[in-house]
């Protein structure tokens, strides 16, 4: 059985920046994160071991002077409420998530009804719409009836949605409401797109996909979904110990990919565990998992200012 690693996988710059900020020595033992900084169990454990506290909401007991907004973002009202309670607020929101917030603000200024393509209960989406009085969250065609009567529709997307599905829904909205003025800003982030493109390329080569990442990671789930939509059997795991020999029975070529919050060390452990299986060899077009170096990060951030 051959093994090939996706060309783009694992931690993105927004996640890494958030982790680095939370682990800064100046905040050691005096920081509480409101929510999960990133959706990855190993990273959460690492933060706890470093003395970082975590709560689900600002209403819980917090005994530190510093609080942090997660990489997924939050409503402006959360920051304001935290400051009103006397906390110093550190914002780890990914700049590409902030792009979504800015796009929505522009739509509101111009009189559009804001539409977010995404999961209504996802923390990123809750952050985007948390301060809005009137908005619509759309995930599939059945949600489009909520837009009846809207004259100006401004569409953004949760940053980790599959771009093909986003574009399909935009086309459906345009076709369903031909008399409405529809404007769309593509806010699916580039790291998500890169990983989706890479997994599509990989799915054309392999007959089994191992997808590595937290079970509550939206973008990791999407990589599994993309693989399965292309007819490739896929397993979603969050650590190497979940690999079982029977997963690989009857398969000839396995691909490895990982979500944007998955640490390099976790991916490497999975990769090495698979290579240690009997009869496994690295494909001629692959190598070990690439360590993300975040090339062009500054330009990528500036593009969305």
Protein backbone atom coordinates (compact mmCIF):
# COMPACT_ATOMS: atom_id res chain seq x y z
CA UNK A 1 0.00 0.00 0.00
CA UNK A 2 1.27 3.46 -0.92
CA UNK A 3 1.00 6.62 1.16
CA UNK A 4 0.72 10.18 -0.18
CA UNK A 5 0.48 13.34 1.91
CA UNK A 6 -1.63 16.32 0.80
CA UNK A 7 0.36 19.28 -0.52
CA UNK A 8 -1.42 21.65 1.87
CA UNK A 9 -2.61 20.53 5.30
CA UNK A 10 -2.56 21.40 8.97
CA UNK A 11 -2.25 24.58 11.00
CA UNK A 12 -2.94 27.89 9.26
CA UNK A 13 -1.40 31.24 10.22
CA UNK A 14 -4.53 32.49 12.01
CA UNK A 15 -4.54 29.48 14.33
CA UNK A 16 -0.79 29.68 14.94
CA UNK A 17 -0.98 33.39 15.77
CA UNK A 18 -3.76 32.72 18.28
CA UNK A 19 -1.77 29.96 19.97
CA UNK A 20 1.38 32.07 20.13
CA UNK A 21 -0.55 34.95 21.69
CA UNK A 22 -2.17 32.72 24.32
CA UNK A 23 1.21 31.22 25.27
CA UNK A 24 3.02 34.55 25.52
CA UNK A 25 5.06 34.68 28.74
CA UNK A 26 3.54 38.01 29.68
CA UNK A 27 0.12 36.34 30.03
CA UNK A 28 1.28 33.17 31.82
CA UNK A 29 -1.06 32.11 34.65
CA UNK A 30 -3.21 35.21 34.19
CA UNK A 31 -5.30 34.48 31.09
CA UNK A 32 -8.79 33.09 30.57
CA UNK A 33 -9.97 32.21 27.06
CA UNK A 34 -13.68 32.65 26.39
CA UNK A 35 -14.44 29.42 24.52
CA UNK A 36 -11.98 27.08 22.79
CA UNK A 37 -9.13 29.04 21.26
CA UNK A 38 -9.00 26.50 18.43
CA UNK A 39 -10.87 23.26 17.83
CA UNK A 40 -8.09 20.81 18.56
CA UNK A 41 -7.79 18.65 21.71
CA UNK A 42 -3.99 18.52 21.80
CA UNK A 43 -3.75 22.31 21.58
CA UNK A 44 -6.39 22.75 24.27
CA UNK A 45 -4.44 20.40 26.57
CA UNK A 46 -1.21 22.26 25.84
CA UNK A 47 -2.83 25.54 26.82
CA UNK A 48 -4.24 24.11 30.05
CA UNK A 49 -0.83 22.67 30.95
CA UNK A 50 0.65 26.16 30.43
CA UNK A 51 -1.76 27.58 33.00
CA UNK A 52 -4.30 29.07 30.59
CA UNK A 53 -7.86 28.92 31.86
CA UNK A 54 -10.92 28.42 29.67
CA UNK A 55 -14.60 29.16 30.17
CA UNK A 56 -17.60 28.76 27.92
CA UNK A 57 -18.94 32.26 28.44
CA UNK A 58 -18.19 35.59 30.06
CA UNK A 59 -20.89 34.84 32.67
CA UNK A 60 -18.74 32.15 34.33
CA UNK A 61 -16.39 32.86 37.23
CA UNK A 62 -13.14 34.32 35.90
CA UNK A 63 -10.23 34.91 38.29
CA UNK A 64 -7.72 36.43 35.85
CA UNK A 65 -7.36 40.05 34.80
CA UNK A 66 -6.88 39.09 31.14
CA UNK A 67 -9.41 37.43 28.83
CA UNK A 68 -9.02 36.38 25.22
CA UNK A 69 -11.39 36.16 22.26
CA UNK A 70 -10.80 32.99 20.26
CA UNK A 71 -9.52 32.63 16.70
CA UNK A 72 -13.13 32.14 15.57
CA UNK A 73 -14.06 35.70 16.52
CA UNK A 74 -16.89 37.13 18.60
CA UNK A 75 -19.49 39.90 18.53
CA UNK A 76 -18.25 43.39 19.38
CA UNK A 77 -20.63 43.31 22.35
CA UNK A 78 -18.58 40.52 23.94
CA UNK A 79 -15.47 42.70 24.01
CA UNK A 80 -17.48 45.63 25.33
CA UNK A 81 -19.05 43.54 28.09
CA UNK A 82 -15.66 42.14 29.08
CA UNK A 83 -14.11 45.60 29.27
CA UNK A 84 -17.09 46.85 31.27
CA UNK A 85 -16.39 44.11 33.81
CA UNK A 86 -12.81 45.34 34.16
CA UNK A 87 -10.96 42.71 32.12
CA UNK A 88 -8.16 43.49 29.70
CA UNK A 89 -9.22 41.94 26.39
CA UNK A 90 -6.82 40.26 23.96
CA UNK A 91 -8.33 39.52 20.57
CA UNK A 92 -7.02 36.39 18.80
CA UNK A 93 -9.61 36.56 16.00
CA UNK A 94 -8.10 35.37 12.73
CA UNK A 95 -7.72 38.34 10.35
CA UNK A 96 -9.52 36.32 7.67
CA UNK A 97 -12.50 35.90 9.99
CA UNK A 98 -12.39 39.64 10.63
CA UNK A 99 -12.76 40.03 6.88
CA UNK A 100 -16.21 38.44 7.17
CA UNK A 101 -17.22 40.86 9.94
CA UNK A 102 -16.07 43.82 7.84
CA UNK A 103 -17.96 42.58 4.78
CA UNK A 104 -21.18 42.28 6.80
CA UNK A 105 -20.69 45.79 8.20
CA UNK A 106 -20.30 47.12 4.65
CA UNK A 107 -23.48 45.37 3.53
CA UNK A 108 -25.41 46.84 6.45
CA UNK A 109 -24.09 50.31 5.68
CA UNK A 110 -25.28 49.97 2.08
CA UNK A 111 -28.74 48.73 3.01
CA UNK A 112 -28.37 45.03 2.24
CA UNK A 113 -29.96 42.21 4.22
CA UNK A 114 -26.96 40.18 5.47
CA UNK A 115 -26.90 36.49 4.60
CA UNK A 116 -24.25 34.17 6.05
CA UNK A 117 -23.68 30.82 4.37
CA UNK A 118 -22.68 28.50 7.20
CA UNK A 119 -23.74 26.58 10.30
CA UNK A 120 -26.04 28.60 12.51
CA UNK A 121 -24.67 27.04 15.72
CA UNK A 122 -20.98 27.38 14.84
CA UNK A 123 -18.98 29.75 17.03
CA UNK A 124 -17.69 31.72 14.04
CA UNK A 125 -21.20 32.30 12.71
CA UNK A 126 -22.48 33.25 16.17
CA UNK A 127 -19.70 35.82 16.31
CA UNK A 128 -20.60 37.24 12.90
CA UNK A 129 -24.33 37.67 13.60
CA UNK A 130 -24.25 38.16 17.38
CA UNK A 131 -24.77 41.92 17.21
CA UNK A 132 -27.27 41.90 14.33
CA UNK A 133 -31.02 42.41 14.68
CA UNK A 134 -31.95 41.12 11.23
CA UNK A 135 -29.98 38.51 9.30
CA UNK A 136 -30.31 35.07 7.69
CA UNK A 137 -28.04 32.04 8.02
CA UNK A 138 -28.25 29.66 5.07
CA UNK A 139 -26.75 26.17 4.90
CA UNK A 140 -28.73 24.50 2.12
CA UNK A 141 -31.50 25.07 -0.41
CA UNK A 142 -34.24 24.52 2.19
CA UNK A 143 -33.19 27.75 3.92
CA UNK A 144 -33.80 29.98 0.90
CA UNK A 145 -37.47 30.56 1.70
CA UNK A 146 -36.27 32.76 4.58
CA UNK A 147 -35.19 35.30 1.96
CA UNK A 148 -38.62 35.83 0.40
CA UNK A 149 -39.38 39.53 0.22
CA UNK A 150 -35.80 40.73 0.59
CA UNK A 151 -34.95 43.40 -1.98
CA UNK A 152 -31.20 43.69 -1.37
CA UNK A 153 -29.28 40.58 -0.34
CA UNK A 154 -25.62 40.75 0.74
CA UNK A 155 -23.98 37.32 1.01
CA UNK A 156 -20.86 36.25 2.91
CA UNK A 157 -19.70 32.82 4.05
CA UNK A 158 -18.35 31.20 7.16
CA UNK A 159 -14.63 31.15 6.39
CA UNK A 160 -14.30 27.34 6.42
CA UNK A 161 -17.22 26.37 4.18
CA UNK A 162 -16.55 24.34 1.01
CA UNK A 163 -16.22 26.96 -1.73
CA UNK A 164 -18.09 24.84 -4.31
CA UNK A 165 -21.14 24.63 -2.06
CA UNK A 166 -20.96 28.35 -1.30
CA UNK A 167 -20.91 29.24 -5.00
CA UNK A 168 -23.75 26.81 -5.69
CA UNK A 169 -25.91 28.46 -3.02
CA UNK A 170 -25.11 31.93 -4.35
CA UNK A 171 -26.26 30.85 -7.82
CA UNK A 172 -29.46 29.39 -6.33
CA UNK A 173 -30.19 32.62 -4.46
CA UNK A 174 -29.66 34.66 -7.62
CA UNK A 175 -31.93 32.33 -9.61
CA UNK A 176 -34.61 32.16 -6.90
CA UNK A 177 -34.83 35.93 -6.42
CA UNK A 178 -34.27 37.47 -9.86
CA UNK A 179 -35.87 40.77 -8.83
CA UNK A 180 -33.59 41.21 -5.81
CA UNK A 181 -30.26 42.99 -5.88
CA UNK A 182 -27.76 40.28 -4.85
CA UNK A 183 -24.14 40.96 -3.93
CA UNK A 184 -21.67 38.28 -2.88
CA UNK A 185 -18.29 38.64 -1.20
CA UNK A 186 -16.20 35.48 -1.19
CA UNK A 187 -15.03 35.15 2.43
CA UNK A 188 -13.94 31.51 2.39
CA UNK A 189 -10.34 31.86 3.58
CA UNK A 190 -7.37 30.97 1.40
CA UNK A 191 -5.92 28.33 3.77
CA UNK A 192 -9.28 26.52 3.67
CA UNK A 193 -9.39 26.74 -0.11
CA UNK A 194 -5.79 25.51 -0.38
CA UNK A 195 -6.57 22.46 1.75
CA UNK A 196 -9.76 21.72 -0.16
CA UNK A 197 -7.92 21.94 -3.50
CA UNK A 198 -5.15 19.71 -2.16
CA UNK A 199 -7.56 17.08 -0.87
CA UNK A 200 -9.39 17.05 -4.21
CA UNK A 201 -6.10 16.47 -6.02
CA UNK A 202 -5.22 13.75 -3.55
CA UNK A 203 -8.63 12.08 -3.82
CA UNK A 204 -8.01 11.58 -7.54
CA UNK A 205 -4.98 9.43 -6.66
CA UNK A 206 -5.98 7.42 -3.58
CA UNK A 207 -8.68 4.96 -2.53
CA UNK A 208 -8.57 5.80 1.19
CA UNK A 209 -8.24 9.12 3.01
CA UNK A 210 -7.14 9.68 6.59
CA UNK A 211 -8.34 13.10 7.79
CA UNK A 212 -6.63 14.36 10.95
CA UNK A 213 -8.13 16.97 13.27
CA UNK A 214 -10.41 17.70 16.19
CA UNK A 215 -13.84 16.13 16.03
CA UNK A 216 -15.39 19.57 16.63
CA UNK A 217 -13.35 21.18 13.84
CA UNK A 218 -15.67 22.35 11.07
CA UNK A 219 -13.00 22.62 8.38
CA UNK A 220 -11.67 19.14 9.20
CA UNK A 221 -15.15 17.68 8.78
CA UNK A 222 -15.39 19.43 5.43
CA UNK A 223 -12.18 17.73 4.22
CA UNK A 224 -13.72 14.36 5.04
CA UNK A 225 -16.90 15.39 3.27
CA UNK A 226 -14.99 16.49 0.16
CA UNK A 227 -13.21 13.12 0.05
CA UNK A 228 -16.43 11.15 0.41
CA UNK A 229 -18.23 13.30 -2.17
CA UNK A 230 -15.50 12.26 -4.61
CA UNK A 231 -16.10 8.59 -3.82
CA UNK A 232 -13.09 8.03 -1.56
CA UNK A 233 -13.51 6.20 1.73
CA UNK A 234 -12.43 8.53 4.56
CA UNK A 235 -11.74 8.21 8.27
CA UNK A 236 -11.66 11.23 10.59
CA UNK A 237 -9.28 10.78 13.53
CA UNK A 238 -7.78 13.21 16.03
CA UNK A 239 -4.71 11.18 17.04
CA UNK A 240 -2.54 8.34 15.82
CA UNK A 241 -3.78 5.88 18.45
CA UNK A 242 -7.16 5.76 16.70
CA UNK A 243 -5.63 4.14 13.62
CA UNK A 244 -6.55 0.46 13.29
CA UNK A 245 -5.07 -2.05 10.82
CA UNK A 246 -8.53 -3.05 9.62
CA UNK A 247 -9.09 0.49 8.30
CA UNK A 248 -6.57 -0.21 5.56
CA UNK A 249 -7.72 -3.68 4.52
CA UNK A 250 -8.48 -3.88 0.80
CA UNK A 251 -6.98 -0.49 0.04
CA UNK A 252 -3.94 0.19 -2.14
CA UNK A 253 -3.21 3.89 -1.77
CA UNK A 254 -3.89 6.02 1.31
CA UNK A 255 -3.88 9.81 1.46
CA UNK A 256 -3.30 11.94 4.55
CA UNK A 257 -4.77 15.40 5.08
CA UNK A 258 -5.50 17.56 8.12
CA UNK A 259 -7.60 20.56 9.16
CA UNK A 260 -6.31 24.07 9.77
CA UNK A 261 -6.16 23.66 13.56
CA UNK A 262 -4.23 20.37 13.55
CA UNK A 263 -0.66 20.67 14.94
CA UNK A 264 2.21 19.45 12.81
CA UNK A 265 3.32 17.02 15.53
CA UNK A 266 -0.06 15.27 15.47
CA UNK A 267 0.04 14.91 11.68
CA UNK A 268 3.59 13.56 11.85
CA UNK A 269 2.60 10.93 14.43
CA UNK A 270 -0.22 9.74 12.18
CA UNK A 271 2.07 9.68 9.15
CA UNK A 272 4.75 7.66 10.97
CA UNK A 273 2.18 5.24 12.40
CA UNK A 274 0.83 4.53 8.91
CA UNK A 275 4.33 4.09 7.46
CA UNK A 276 5.03 1.49 10.15
CA UNK A 277 2.16 -0.70 8.95
CA UNK A 278 3.25 -3.90 7.13
CA UNK A 279 3.75 -3.51 3.39
CA UNK A 280 3.49 0.31 3.33
CA UNK A 281 5.70 2.50 1.18
CA UNK A 282 5.83 6.23 0.52
CA UNK A 283 4.61 7.11 -2.97
CA UNK A 284 7.11 8.55 -5.41
CA UNK A 285 5.20 11.86 -5.56
CA UNK A 286 5.08 12.40 -1.81
CA UNK A 287 7.26 12.99 1.19
CA UNK A 288 6.71 13.61 4.88
CA UNK A 289 4.04 16.13 5.92
CA UNK A 290 5.12 19.67 4.98
CA UNK A 291 5.62 21.96 7.96
CA UNK A 292 3.63 25.14 7.39
CA UNK A 293 5.92 28.17 7.09
CA UNK A 294 3.10 30.68 6.37
CA UNK A 295 4.66 32.22 3.23
CA UNK A 296 3.04 35.46 2.14
CA UNK A 297 1.15 35.78 5.41
CA UNK A 298 1.45 39.56 5.55
CA UNK A 299 0.21 40.00 1.99
CA UNK A 300 -2.66 37.60 2.67
CA UNK A 301 -3.74 39.64 5.70
CA UNK A 302 -3.40 42.98 3.90
CA UNK A 303 -5.54 41.77 1.00
CA UNK A 304 -8.57 41.71 3.30
CA UNK A 305 -8.09 45.02 5.14
